Amino acid sequence: MKKCVLAVVLSAMVLFAWGFLSWAVLPWHNAVANQFADESAVSEVLKENAPAAGMYYLPFAQEDLKPGAVFAMANVLPDGFDTGMGGMMGLGLLG
């Protein structure tokens, strides 16, 4: 049992270290992240149309997706969140 717990803890530490390296050292995430042309306008539209924190889909129903139409998935947090590295790393270690 002790060996199993030790293996789990060591594995978690290795995964945590890899997560840190892949986000803080390697610029992979920059290749897939884009910035809105007008962040202020998008922010206002989200505040008006997504008042509660949660995941939002556009269109909401898959059958409403028309060819050439915009599809979006957004994790909306109307009240914002703490972007401090310590808190985010702690969440990564726990999650």
C-alpha atoms as a PDB file:
ATOM      1  CA  MET A   1       0.000   0.000   0.000  1.00  0.00           C
ATOM      2  CA  LYS A   2       2.861   2.371   0.848  1.00  0.00           C
ATOM      3  CA  LYS A   3       4.471   1.789  -2.545  1.00  0.00           C
ATOM      4  CA  CYS A   4       1.193   2.491  -4.311  1.00  0.00           C
ATOM      5  CA  VAL A   5       0.693   5.796  -2.466  1.00  0.00           C
ATOM      6  CA  LEU A   6       4.300   6.771  -3.161  1.00  0.00           C
ATOM      7  CA  ALA A   7       3.851   5.949  -6.859  1.00  0.00           C
ATOM      8  CA  VAL A   8       0.693   8.083  -7.026  1.00  0.00           C
ATOM      9  CA  VAL A   9       2.376  11.037  -5.297  1.00  0.00           C
ATOM     10  CA  LEU A  10       5.470  10.815  -7.516  1.00  0.00           C
ATOM     11  CA  SER A  11       3.327  10.510 -10.638  1.00  0.00           C
ATOM     12  CA  ALA A  12       1.318  13.568  -9.607  1.00  0.00           C
ATOM     13  CA  MET A  13       4.529  15.537  -9.085  1.00  0.00           C
ATOM     14  CA  VAL A  14       5.873  14.514 -12.510  1.00  0.00           C
ATOM     15  CA  LEU A  15       2.604  15.490 -14.205  1.00  0.00           C
ATOM     16  CA  PHE A  16       2.552  18.796 -12.318  1.00  0.00           C
ATOM     17  CA  ALA A  17       6.136  19.545 -13.399  1.00  0.00           C
ATOM     18  CA  TRP A  18       5.314  18.679 -17.012  1.00  0.00           C
ATOM     19  CA  GLY A  19       2.231  20.918 -16.896  1.00  0.00           C
ATOM     20  CA  PHE A  20       4.348  23.791 -15.608  1.00  0.00           C
ATOM     21  CA  LEU A  21       7.017  23.291 -18.274  1.00  0.00           C
ATOM     22  CA  SER A  22       4.520  22.994 -21.104  1.00  0.00           C
ATOM     23  CA  TRP A  23       2.766  26.243 -20.103  1.00  0.00           C
ATOM     24  CA  ALA A  24       5.570  28.386 -18.687  1.00  0.00           C
ATOM     25  CA  VAL A  25       8.536  27.363 -20.839  1.00  0.00           C
ATOM     26  CA  LEU A  26       7.200  25.943 -24.104  1.00  0.00           C
ATOM     27  CA  PRO A  27       5.038  28.358 -26.156  1.00  0.00           C
ATOM     28  CA  TRP A  28       2.667  25.669 -27.494  1.00  0.00           C
ATOM     29  CA  HIS A  29      -0.497  27.286 -26.161  1.00  0.00           C
ATOM     30  CA  ASN A  30       0.295  30.507 -28.065  1.00  0.00           C
ATOM     31  CA  ALA A  31      -0.114  28.659 -31.368  1.00  0.00           C
ATOM     32  CA  VAL A  32      -3.814  27.964 -30.729  1.00  0.00           C
ATOM     33  CA  ALA A  33      -4.876  31.043 -28.748  1.00  0.00           C
ATOM     34  CA  ASN A  34      -6.268  34.065 -30.590  1.00  0.00           C
ATOM     35  CA  GLN A  35      -7.260  37.539 -29.445  1.00  0.00           C
ATOM     36  CA  PHE A  36     -10.608  39.158 -30.256  1.00  0.00           C
ATOM     37  CA  ALA A  37     -10.336  42.227 -32.502  1.00  0.00           C
ATOM     38  CA  ASP A  38     -12.308  44.323 -29.969  1.00  0.00           C
ATOM     39  CA  GLU A  39     -12.120  42.707 -26.517  1.00  0.00           C
ATOM     40  CA  SER A  40     -14.153  45.473 -24.866  1.00  0.00           C
ATOM     41  CA  ALA A  41     -17.075  44.984 -27.248  1.00  0.00           C
ATOM     42  CA  VAL A  42     -17.007  41.192 -26.871  1.00  0.00           C
ATOM     43  CA  SER A  43     -16.813  41.541 -23.083  1.00  0.00           C
ATOM     44  CA  GLU A  44     -19.880  43.786 -23.013  1.00  0.00           C
ATOM     45  CA  VAL A  45     -21.871  41.424 -25.254  1.00  0.00           C
ATOM     46  CA  LEU A  46     -20.952  38.471 -23.012  1.00  0.00           C
ATOM     47  CA  LYS A  47     -21.941  40.370 -19.849  1.00  0.00           C
ATOM     48  CA  GLU A  48     -25.316  41.238 -21.393  1.00  0.00           C
ATOM     49  CA  ASN A  49     -26.053  37.772 -22.787  1.00  0.00           C
ATOM     50  CA  ALA A  50     -24.316  35.421 -20.336  1.00  0.00           C
ATOM     51  CA  PRO A  51     -25.192  36.748 -16.867  1.00  0.00           C
ATOM     52  CA  ALA A  52     -24.303  33.577 -14.942  1.00  0.00           C
ATOM     53  CA  ALA A  53     -20.944  31.824 -14.761  1.00  0.00           C
ATOM     54  CA  GLY A  54     -20.753  28.704 -16.911  1.00  0.00           C
ATOM     55  CA  MET A  55     -20.167  27.207 -20.344  1.00  0.00           C
ATOM     56  CA  TYR A  56     -21.996  28.741 -23.280  1.00  0.00           C
ATOM     57  CA  TYR A  57     -22.329  27.383 -26.814  1.00  0.00           C
ATOM     58  CA  LEU A  58     -23.246  29.227 -29.995  1.00  0.00           C
ATOM     59  CA  PRO A  59     -25.460  27.909 -31.391  1.00  0.00           C
ATOM     60  CA  PHE A  60     -26.744  26.095 -28.326  1.00  0.00           C
ATOM     61  CA  ALA A  61     -28.260  23.174 -30.258  1.00  0.00           C
ATOM     62  CA  GLN A  62     -26.102  21.283 -32.765  1.00  0.00           C
ATOM     63  CA  GLU A  63     -28.989  21.108 -35.230  1.00  0.00           C
ATOM     64  CA  ASP A  64     -29.068  24.935 -35.351  1.00  0.00           C
ATOM     65  CA  LEU A  65     -25.527  25.088 -36.763  1.00  0.00           C
ATOM     66  CA  LYS A  66     -25.797  26.273 -40.347  1.00  0.00           C
ATOM     67  CA  PRO A  67     -23.013  25.961 -42.942  1.00  0.00           C
ATOM     68  CA  GLY A  68     -20.755  29.010 -42.740  1.00  0.00           C
ATOM     69  CA  ALA A  69     -22.219  30.153 -39.406  1.00  0.00           C
ATOM     70  CA  VAL A  70     -20.065  30.997 -36.404  1.00  0.00           C
ATOM     71  CA  PHE A  71     -19.598  28.277 -33.788  1.00  0.00           C
ATOM     72  CA  ALA A  72     -18.277  29.246 -30.360  1.00  0.00           C
ATOM     73  CA  MET A  73     -17.694  27.697 -26.955  1.00  0.00           C
ATOM     74  CA  ALA A  74     -17.031  30.071 -24.079  1.00  0.00           C
ATOM     75  CA  ASN A  75     -16.304  29.590 -20.412  1.00  0.00           C
ATOM     76  CA  VAL A  76     -17.820  32.793 -19.032  1.00  0.00           C
ATOM     77  CA  LEU A  77     -16.974  34.156 -15.586  1.00  0.00           C
ATOM     78  CA  PRO A  78     -18.861  37.480 -15.348  1.00  0.00           C
ATOM     79  CA  ASP A  79     -17.156  38.423 -12.076  1.00  0.00           C
ATOM     80  CA  GLY A  80     -13.675  37.538 -13.350  1.00  0.00           C
ATOM     81  CA  PHE A  81     -11.197  35.393 -11.421  1.00  0.00           C
ATOM     82  CA  ASP A  82      -7.782  35.603  -9.809  1.00  0.00           C
ATOM     83  CA  THR A  83      -5.144  35.043 -12.475  1.00  0.00           C
ATOM     84  CA  GLY A  84      -2.257  34.886 -10.013  1.00  0.00           C
ATOM     85  CA  MET A  85       0.207  32.125 -10.828  1.00  0.00           C
ATOM     86  CA  GLY A  86       0.283  30.690  -7.304  1.00  0.00           C
ATOM     87  CA  GLY A  87      -3.446  30.070  -7.178  1.00  0.00           C
ATOM     88  CA  MET A  88      -3.537  28.630 -10.674  1.00  0.00           C
ATOM     89  CA  MET A  89      -0.626  26.295  -9.932  1.00  0.00           C
ATOM     90  CA  GLY A  90      -2.336  25.182  -6.725  1.00  0.00           C
ATOM     91  CA  LEU A  91      -5.507  24.396  -8.655  1.00  0.00           C
ATOM     92  CA  GLY A  92      -3.429  22.482 -11.198  1.00  0.00           C
ATOM     93  CA  LEU A  93      -1.825  20.419  -8.473  1.00  0.00           C
ATOM     94  CA  LEU A  94      -5.222  19.591  -6.962  1.00  0.00           C
ATOM     95  CA  GLY A  95      -7.076  19.105 -10.221  1.00  0.00           C
END
